[in-house]
């Protein structure tokens, strides 16, 4: 049906085919081949991850068989997570093949009258989320049903206006994605420099420094084999009673686990009015309960609960300490050397073997890598501002409250690039 403002209201099933995948079994999963998406992979793509944390694959033969008999996702199709963490969308933007788990994702294909990016942003809007909520079944493990997804009502303008709306929102996401890539590169470069200097011992001037024996093995002369308690201040968290917690911002941010840890800094959702154990701004936050070894940096003074410790070097060389601990705990729960921890005590951490480089090398590293921290922070802040602006615009654009019909906008990827890719 048509509305007075020129926007059309109809069921999703009137605009596209809503379906899922053909069943794939455990025997079809292999170590290499065609990527196989679950909700997990779509969520990681949505969050800007460059690599999947635990990818799955199916064989080329299985993929080609499915493609020939039933079809596979094509450029311009839209997927959405439909079990567990619900409602995270994905637009298929290129020809790279993939298939997906039945029930984990719902597949919106053969779109007519609705732009894929418009549909993507509608899923993220208040009106889209409200419609998706009506499709939810289950209590312990929530899921969407195909039947209900087809019945969702969506209101959209003409395709040219849809593409303008999608282009505005996509411009913000493109900037965020570009900044996120730069952030990841900065992180990789800094960690690579750390390993070159402090694992391979190829630091500036290393040619003139001999290696000597130490409790840690051979290290450059003038460096010190030590323990965390000897070179750092350690604060183990302690949780106040829950009656002192709030989400209204009263007191200081409170963290007793990794739930709100980010790529480098935590987000603050819970606060506490009882100041027991504190981490100061710049302290390393280190998780001491599973997952052990997750690392963040306090971006303000916070209260640390029982699952988190705060660590600061006595000489304030926090950039070095951050990368040293990241290298020692490359994987959650596993310390360099393969030791597996499900939790660590104060003694475990205090006795953690570390080394301290010579003062000149330590100062050089802080000077060399420190600016990348500043750039990382600037890019992170830019992304936060971009997300805030995008999220303010999204409901106004998707609902038509913000009229874009007369705006001269380059629709970019939302139309021409997709058409070119499918030509």
Protein backbone atom coordinates (compact mmCIF):
# COMPACT_ATOMS: atom_id res chain seq x y z
CA UNK A 1 0.00 0.00 0.00
CA UNK A 2 1.08 3.62 -0.59
CA UNK A 3 1.27 6.34 2.06
CA UNK A 4 0.52 10.02 1.57
CA UNK A 5 4.22 10.92 1.81
CA UNK A 6 5.08 8.66 -1.13
CA UNK A 7 6.50 5.92 1.07
CA UNK A 8 5.19 2.41 0.52
CA UNK A 9 4.29 0.06 3.35
CA UNK A 10 4.39 -3.67 2.62
CA UNK A 11 5.52 -6.99 4.02
CA UNK A 12 9.17 -7.98 3.61
CA UNK A 13 8.00 -11.06 1.73
CA UNK A 14 6.55 -8.76 -0.95
CA UNK A 15 9.99 -7.29 -1.65
CA UNK A 16 12.18 -10.38 -1.59
CA UNK A 17 12.47 -14.10 -0.96
CA UNK A 18 13.24 -15.01 2.66
CA UNK A 19 14.88 -18.38 3.22
CA UNK A 20 17.86 -20.10 4.83
CA UNK A 21 20.52 -22.57 3.74
CA UNK A 22 20.50 -26.26 3.00
CA UNK A 23 21.55 -28.40 5.93
CA UNK A 24 25.30 -28.88 6.27
CA UNK A 25 26.67 -31.62 8.52
CA UNK A 26 29.80 -31.96 10.65
CA UNK A 27 31.32 -34.28 8.06
CA UNK A 28 31.17 -31.43 5.52
CA UNK A 29 33.42 -29.17 7.62
CA UNK A 30 37.09 -29.12 6.56
CA UNK A 31 40.25 -27.18 7.47
CA UNK A 32 40.42 -25.26 4.19
CA UNK A 33 37.97 -24.49 1.42
CA UNK A 34 34.95 -22.22 1.05
CA UNK A 35 34.24 -20.08 4.15
CA UNK A 36 31.24 -21.28 6.16
CA UNK A 37 29.48 -18.55 8.13
CA UNK A 38 27.62 -18.88 11.39
CA UNK A 39 26.16 -16.00 13.39
CA UNK A 40 29.63 -15.61 14.90
CA UNK A 41 31.28 -14.69 11.61
CA UNK A 42 28.58 -12.16 10.68
CA UNK A 43 28.93 -10.51 14.09
CA UNK A 44 32.71 -10.31 13.68
CA UNK A 45 32.30 -8.72 10.23
CA UNK A 46 29.78 -6.27 11.67
CA UNK A 47 32.28 -5.35 14.40
CA UNK A 48 35.00 -4.65 11.85
CA UNK A 49 37.25 -7.62 12.55
CA UNK A 50 39.76 -8.22 9.77
CA UNK A 51 40.07 -11.95 10.44
CA UNK A 52 37.68 -14.52 11.88
CA UNK A 53 38.62 -15.85 15.30
CA UNK A 54 37.66 -19.47 14.55
CA UNK A 55 36.79 -19.90 10.86
CA UNK A 56 35.04 -22.93 9.41
CA UNK A 57 35.10 -24.18 5.81
CA UNK A 58 33.30 -26.59 3.52
CA UNK A 59 34.79 -28.30 0.48
CA UNK A 60 34.71 -26.72 -2.97
CA UNK A 61 32.80 -29.78 -4.18
CA UNK A 62 30.10 -29.39 -1.53
CA UNK A 63 29.78 -25.68 -2.28
CA UNK A 64 29.52 -26.20 -6.05
CA UNK A 65 26.91 -28.90 -5.52
CA UNK A 66 24.78 -26.60 -3.39
CA UNK A 67 25.30 -23.73 -5.83
CA UNK A 68 24.12 -25.81 -8.80
CA UNK A 69 21.06 -27.30 -7.09
CA UNK A 70 19.87 -24.60 -4.71
CA UNK A 71 21.85 -21.41 -5.26
CA UNK A 72 24.21 -19.52 -2.97
CA UNK A 73 24.38 -15.93 -1.68
CA UNK A 74 24.93 -13.36 -4.42
CA UNK A 75 26.01 -9.72 -4.50
CA UNK A 76 23.15 -7.58 -3.17
CA UNK A 77 21.67 -10.30 -0.95
CA UNK A 78 21.20 -9.56 2.75
CA UNK A 79 21.83 -11.93 5.67
CA UNK A 80 20.80 -11.51 9.30
CA UNK A 81 21.77 -13.45 12.43
CA UNK A 82 18.77 -15.49 13.52
CA UNK A 83 19.88 -17.51 16.53
CA UNK A 84 21.65 -16.49 19.74
CA UNK A 85 22.70 -12.88 19.15
CA UNK A 86 19.84 -11.76 16.93
CA UNK A 87 19.41 -9.08 14.31
CA UNK A 88 22.96 -8.41 13.10
CA UNK A 89 22.81 -7.78 9.32
CA UNK A 90 25.25 -8.31 6.46
CA UNK A 91 25.10 -7.15 2.84
CA UNK A 92 26.90 -9.38 0.34
CA UNK A 93 29.19 -6.89 -1.43
CA UNK A 94 31.47 -9.02 -3.61
CA UNK A 95 31.82 -12.32 -5.43
CA UNK A 96 33.93 -14.11 -2.82
CA UNK A 97 32.11 -17.40 -2.20
CA UNK A 98 30.75 -18.44 1.17
CA UNK A 99 27.96 -20.58 2.54
CA UNK A 100 26.23 -20.52 5.90
CA UNK A 101 24.70 -22.57 8.69
CA UNK A 102 21.02 -23.45 8.51
CA UNK A 103 19.09 -21.67 11.26
CA UNK A 104 22.03 -19.44 12.24
CA UNK A 105 21.38 -16.94 9.46
CA UNK A 106 18.34 -15.91 7.46
CA UNK A 107 18.79 -15.05 3.80
CA UNK A 108 16.97 -12.22 1.98
CA UNK A 109 17.50 -12.64 -1.77
CA UNK A 110 16.08 -11.53 -5.12
CA UNK A 111 15.31 -8.06 -3.74
CA UNK A 112 12.88 -5.97 -5.80
CA UNK A 113 11.74 -2.52 -4.75
CA UNK A 114 14.04 -2.36 -1.74
CA UNK A 115 17.74 -1.48 -1.80
CA UNK A 116 19.92 -3.99 0.10
CA UNK A 117 21.64 -1.23 2.08
CA UNK A 118 18.28 0.33 2.93
CA UNK A 119 17.17 -3.05 4.26
CA UNK A 120 20.46 -3.39 6.17
CA UNK A 121 19.99 -0.06 7.94
CA UNK A 122 16.29 -0.69 8.50
CA UNK A 123 17.23 -3.81 10.48
CA UNK A 124 19.35 -1.56 12.72
CA UNK A 125 16.67 1.12 13.16
CA UNK A 126 14.13 1.28 16.01
CA UNK A 127 11.29 0.37 13.63
CA UNK A 128 13.24 -2.58 12.21
CA UNK A 129 14.22 -3.85 15.65
CA UNK A 130 10.60 -3.63 16.79
CA UNK A 131 9.49 -5.73 13.81
CA UNK A 132 12.28 -8.26 14.41
CA UNK A 133 11.25 -8.59 18.05
CA UNK A 134 7.84 -9.82 16.88
CA UNK A 135 9.58 -12.63 14.99
CA UNK A 136 11.39 -13.98 18.05
CA UNK A 137 10.62 -17.40 19.49
CA UNK A 138 12.20 -19.34 22.35
CA UNK A 139 13.37 -18.28 25.79
CA UNK A 140 16.72 -19.87 26.64
CA UNK A 141 17.87 -19.83 22.98
CA UNK A 142 16.02 -17.16 21.03
CA UNK A 143 15.63 -17.42 17.27
CA UNK A 144 13.75 -15.98 14.30
CA UNK A 145 11.40 -17.97 12.11
CA UNK A 146 11.30 -17.58 8.33
CA UNK A 147 7.50 -17.43 8.38
CA UNK A 148 7.47 -14.47 10.76
CA UNK A 149 10.33 -12.68 9.00
CA UNK A 150 8.32 -12.70 5.77
CA UNK A 151 5.42 -11.01 7.57
CA UNK A 152 7.44 -8.06 8.89
CA UNK A 153 6.10 -4.72 7.72
CA UNK A 154 8.53 -2.19 6.29
CA UNK A 155 7.86 1.30 4.99
CA UNK A 156 10.17 2.54 2.23
CA UNK A 157 10.34 5.43 -0.26
CA UNK A 158 11.20 5.12 -3.95
CA UNK A 159 14.46 3.37 -4.82
CA UNK A 160 16.34 6.61 -5.67
CA UNK A 161 15.50 8.02 -2.23
CA UNK A 162 16.35 4.70 -0.56
CA UNK A 163 19.77 4.85 -2.19
CA UNK A 164 20.33 8.40 -1.00
CA UNK A 165 19.46 7.38 2.56
CA UNK A 166 21.71 4.33 2.38
CA UNK A 167 24.52 6.37 0.85
CA UNK A 168 24.50 8.90 3.70
CA UNK A 169 24.67 6.17 6.33
CA UNK A 170 27.20 4.13 4.35
CA UNK A 171 29.52 7.15 4.18
CA UNK A 172 29.79 7.08 7.97
CA UNK A 173 30.36 3.33 8.04
CA UNK A 174 33.01 3.58 5.31
CA UNK A 175 34.93 6.15 7.36
CA UNK A 176 34.60 3.98 10.46
CA UNK A 177 35.82 0.93 8.53
CA UNK A 178 38.80 2.85 7.14
CA UNK A 179 39.76 4.11 10.60
CA UNK A 180 39.32 0.61 12.02
CA UNK A 181 41.74 -0.77 9.41
CA UNK A 182 44.26 1.92 10.31
CA UNK A 183 43.87 1.09 14.00
CA UNK A 184 44.50 -2.60 13.31
CA UNK A 185 47.60 -1.77 11.26
CA UNK A 186 48.93 0.44 14.07
CA UNK A 187 48.41 -2.40 16.54
CA UNK A 188 50.14 -4.93 14.30
CA UNK A 189 53.07 -2.61 13.64
CA UNK A 190 53.61 -1.82 17.32
CA UNK A 191 53.51 -5.49 18.31
CA UNK A 192 55.86 -6.38 15.44
CA UNK A 193 58.33 -3.73 16.62
CA UNK A 194 58.10 -5.11 20.15
CA UNK A 195 58.90 -8.62 18.95
CA UNK A 196 61.77 -7.40 16.78
CA UNK A 197 63.35 -5.50 19.65
CA UNK A 198 62.53 -7.67 22.66
CA UNK A 199 62.05 -11.20 21.33
CA UNK A 200 64.51 -11.27 18.44
CA UNK A 201 66.79 -8.76 20.24
CA UNK A 202 67.28 -6.67 17.08
CA UNK A 203 66.89 -3.31 18.79
CA UNK A 204 68.84 -0.21 17.70
CA UNK A 205 72.50 -0.78 18.53
CA UNK A 206 72.09 -4.51 19.17
CA UNK A 207 75.23 -5.22 17.13
CA UNK A 208 77.34 -3.81 19.95
CA UNK A 209 75.61 -5.65 22.80
CA UNK A 210 76.44 -9.24 23.67
CA UNK A 211 73.98 -11.79 25.04
CA UNK A 212 74.50 -13.09 28.57
CA UNK A 213 72.95 -15.92 30.56
CA UNK A 214 70.00 -15.18 32.87
CA UNK A 215 67.15 -17.08 34.59
CA UNK A 216 65.11 -16.30 31.46
CA UNK A 217 67.75 -17.63 29.11
CA UNK A 218 70.09 -15.41 27.18
CA UNK A 219 69.27 -11.70 27.22
CA UNK A 220 71.27 -8.63 26.16
CA UNK A 221 73.89 -7.45 28.59
CA UNK A 222 72.58 -4.65 30.78
CA UNK A 223 69.02 -6.00 30.77
CA UNK A 224 67.52 -7.37 33.97
CA UNK A 225 65.65 -10.63 34.54
CA UNK A 226 62.98 -9.84 37.09
CA UNK A 227 59.42 -10.60 38.19
CA UNK A 228 56.29 -8.53 37.93
CA UNK A 229 56.30 -7.70 41.66
CA UNK A 230 59.85 -6.33 41.39
CA UNK A 231 59.17 -3.96 38.51
CA UNK A 232 55.46 -3.19 38.86
CA UNK A 233 52.77 -2.12 41.27
CA UNK A 234 50.00 -4.75 41.32
CA UNK A 235 46.43 -4.22 42.55
CA UNK A 236 44.14 -7.25 42.69
CA UNK A 237 40.46 -6.42 42.38
CA UNK A 238 37.91 -6.87 45.14
CA UNK A 239 34.18 -6.55 44.51
CA UNK A 240 32.03 -4.41 46.81
CA UNK A 241 28.49 -5.56 47.60
CA UNK A 242 26.12 -5.30 44.64
CA UNK A 243 23.89 -2.86 46.53
CA UNK A 244 26.48 -0.20 45.76
CA UNK A 245 26.33 -0.77 41.97
CA UNK A 246 24.38 1.45 39.59
CA UNK A 247 24.07 2.24 35.89
CA UNK A 248 23.31 5.93 36.34
CA UNK A 249 26.93 7.07 36.49
CA UNK A 250 27.12 7.59 40.24
CA UNK A 251 30.61 6.98 41.63
CA UNK A 252 33.39 5.48 39.50
CA UNK A 253 33.21 2.96 36.63
CA UNK A 254 33.31 -0.61 37.98
CA UNK A 255 34.71 -3.67 36.19
CA UNK A 256 34.93 -7.16 37.65
CA UNK A 257 35.49 -9.08 34.42
CA UNK A 258 36.03 -8.67 30.70
CA UNK A 259 32.39 -8.20 29.69
CA UNK A 260 32.91 -4.56 28.78
CA UNK A 261 36.53 -4.81 27.65
CA UNK A 262 37.13 -3.36 24.19
CA UNK A 263 39.99 -3.80 21.71
CA UNK A 264 42.12 -1.59 23.97
CA UNK A 265 39.91 0.39 26.35
CA UNK A 266 36.83 -0.71 28.31
CA UNK A 267 33.40 0.83 27.97
CA UNK A 268 31.74 1.83 31.22
CA UNK A 269 28.21 0.61 31.91
CA UNK A 270 28.30 -0.23 35.63
CA UNK A 271 29.37 2.22 38.34
CA UNK A 272 30.04 1.85 42.05
CA UNK A 273 29.97 4.27 44.97
CA UNK A 274 32.36 2.28 47.19
CA UNK A 275 35.99 2.87 46.24
CA UNK A 276 37.81 -0.29 47.33
CA UNK A 277 40.50 -1.27 44.84
CA UNK A 278 41.36 1.35 42.22
CA UNK A 279 43.06 1.40 38.84
CA UNK A 280 44.38 4.77 37.76
CA UNK A 281 44.17 6.10 34.21
CA UNK A 282 46.83 4.36 32.13
CA UNK A 283 47.03 1.25 34.32
CA UNK A 284 47.01 -2.09 32.53
CA UNK A 285 43.80 -4.01 33.26
CA UNK A 286 44.54 -7.73 33.30
CA UNK A 287 41.82 -10.38 33.65
CA UNK A 288 42.65 -12.94 36.34
CA UNK A 289 39.65 -15.24 35.81
CA UNK A 290 38.68 -17.05 32.64
CA UNK A 291 39.45 -15.79 30.13
CA UNK A 292 42.81 -15.15 31.80
CA UNK A 293 45.16 -12.67 30.15
CA UNK A 294 42.65 -10.41 28.40
CA UNK A 295 44.27 -6.98 28.47
CA UNK A 296 42.85 -3.44 28.38
CA UNK A 297 44.04 -0.03 29.50
CA UNK A 298 42.12 2.07 32.03
CA UNK A 299 41.00 5.23 30.23
CA UNK A 300 39.98 6.84 33.53
CA UNK A 301 40.18 5.94 37.19
CA UNK A 302 38.05 2.83 37.78
CA UNK A 303 37.16 0.40 40.55
CA UNK A 304 38.44 -3.12 39.85
CA UNK A 305 36.43 -6.14 40.99
CA UNK A 306 37.59 -9.66 41.74
CA UNK A 307 38.09 -10.72 38.11
CA UNK A 308 40.47 -7.90 37.18
CA UNK A 309 43.87 -6.66 38.33
CA UNK A 310 45.59 -3.33 37.69
CA UNK A 311 49.29 -3.17 36.83
CA UNK A 312 51.68 -0.22 36.50
CA UNK A 313 55.42 -0.28 36.00
CA UNK A 314 57.41 1.53 38.68
CA UNK A 315 59.07 3.59 35.93
CA UNK A 316 55.72 4.28 34.19
CA UNK A 317 56.85 2.59 30.95
CA UNK A 318 53.27 1.51 30.27
CA UNK A 319 53.58 1.28 26.48
CA UNK A 320 56.33 -1.30 26.92
CA UNK A 321 54.39 -3.18 29.63
CA UNK A 322 51.25 -3.31 27.48
CA UNK A 323 53.09 -4.98 24.60
CA UNK A 324 55.12 -7.21 26.91
CA UNK A 325 51.99 -8.65 28.50
CA UNK A 326 50.24 -8.90 25.10
CA UNK A 327 53.18 -10.94 23.85
CA UNK A 328 53.26 -13.16 26.93
CA UNK A 329 49.52 -13.86 26.74
CA UNK A 330 49.10 -14.22 22.98
CA UNK A 331 46.02 -16.39 23.50
CA UNK A 332 43.44 -16.21 26.24
CA UNK A 333 44.28 -18.49 29.19
CA UNK A 334 47.69 -19.35 27.71
CA UNK A 335 50.94 -17.74 28.78
CA UNK A 336 54.02 -17.79 26.56
CA UNK A 337 55.50 -21.26 27.00
CA UNK A 338 52.14 -23.00 26.81
CA UNK A 339 51.03 -22.89 30.46
CA UNK A 340 47.22 -22.88 30.65
CA UNK A 341 45.44 -20.89 33.36
CA UNK A 342 41.73 -20.83 34.24
CA UNK A 343 42.46 -18.29 36.96
CA UNK A 344 45.53 -16.68 38.47
CA UNK A 345 46.23 -15.60 42.04
CA UNK A 346 48.10 -12.55 43.23
CA UNK A 347 51.15 -14.76 43.78
CA UNK A 348 50.90 -16.17 40.24
CA UNK A 349 50.96 -12.67 38.80
CA UNK A 350 53.51 -11.29 41.24
CA UNK A 351 55.94 -14.11 40.38
CA UNK A 352 55.42 -13.76 36.62
CA UNK A 353 58.91 -13.75 35.07
CA UNK A 354 59.61 -10.62 33.04
CA UNK A 355 62.64 -8.67 31.93
CA UNK A 356 63.48 -4.99 31.96
CA UNK A 357 65.61 -3.69 29.09
CA UNK A 358 68.34 -1.13 29.58
CA UNK A 359 67.13 2.40 30.23
CA UNK A 360 68.20 3.72 26.83
CA UNK A 361 66.44 0.92 24.90
CA UNK A 362 63.31 1.23 27.06
CA UNK A 363 63.20 4.99 26.55
CA UNK A 364 63.75 4.58 22.80
CA UNK A 365 60.83 2.13 22.54
CA UNK A 366 58.49 4.41 24.50
CA UNK A 367 59.50 7.33 22.26
CA UNK A 368 59.23 5.32 19.04
CA UNK A 369 55.95 3.50 19.68
CA UNK A 370 54.28 6.02 22.01
CA UNK A 371 52.98 8.25 19.17
CA UNK A 372 51.11 5.27 17.70
CA UNK A 373 49.13 5.14 20.96
CA UNK A 374 48.17 8.79 20.47
CA UNK A 375 47.11 8.17 16.86
CA UNK A 376 45.21 5.05 17.96
CA UNK A 377 43.34 7.15 20.53
CA UNK A 378 42.57 9.88 17.97
CA UNK A 379 41.19 7.37 15.47
CA UNK A 380 39.19 5.63 18.19
CA UNK A 381 37.66 8.96 19.26
CA UNK A 382 36.86 9.81 15.64
CA UNK A 383 35.04 6.50 15.27
CA UNK A 384 33.05 7.11 18.44
CA UNK A 385 31.97 10.51 17.11
CA UNK A 386 31.10 9.04 13.71
CA UNK A 387 29.02 6.29 15.32
CA UNK A 388 27.20 8.81 17.49
CA UNK A 389 26.31 10.99 14.50
CA UNK A 390 25.30 7.99 12.37
CA UNK A 391 23.10 6.61 15.14
CA UNK A 392 21.37 9.97 15.52
CA UNK A 393 20.70 10.20 11.79
CA UNK A 394 19.65 6.58 11.26
CA UNK A 395 16.13 6.63 12.78
CA UNK A 396 15.36 10.02 11.23
CA UNK A 397 16.43 8.89 7.77
CA UNK A 398 14.81 5.46 7.91
CA UNK A 399 11.50 6.92 9.11
CA UNK A 400 11.46 9.77 6.58
CA UNK A 401 11.54 12.49 9.24
CA UNK A 402 14.69 13.78 7.55
CA UNK A 403 13.82 14.45 3.89
CA UNK A 404 16.66 13.79 1.45
CA UNK A 405 14.69 13.86 -1.82
CA UNK A 406 16.11 17.21 -2.97
CA UNK A 407 19.67 16.56 -1.83
CA UNK A 408 22.32 16.07 -4.51
CA UNK A 409 23.97 12.88 -3.23
CA UNK A 410 26.34 10.47 -4.94
CA UNK A 411 24.72 7.10 -4.23
CA UNK A 412 28.06 5.29 -4.69
CA UNK A 413 28.16 1.64 -3.70
CA UNK A 414 24.47 1.51 -2.89
CA UNK A 415 23.58 1.40 -6.57
CA UNK A 416 26.20 1.83 -9.29
CA UNK A 417 28.91 -0.31 -7.70
CA UNK A 418 26.52 -3.17 -7.04
CA UNK A 419 25.22 -3.01 -10.60
CA UNK A 420 28.78 -2.92 -11.94
CA UNK A 421 29.80 -5.85 -9.73
CA UNK A 422 26.93 -7.98 -11.00
CA UNK A 423 27.35 -7.05 -14.68
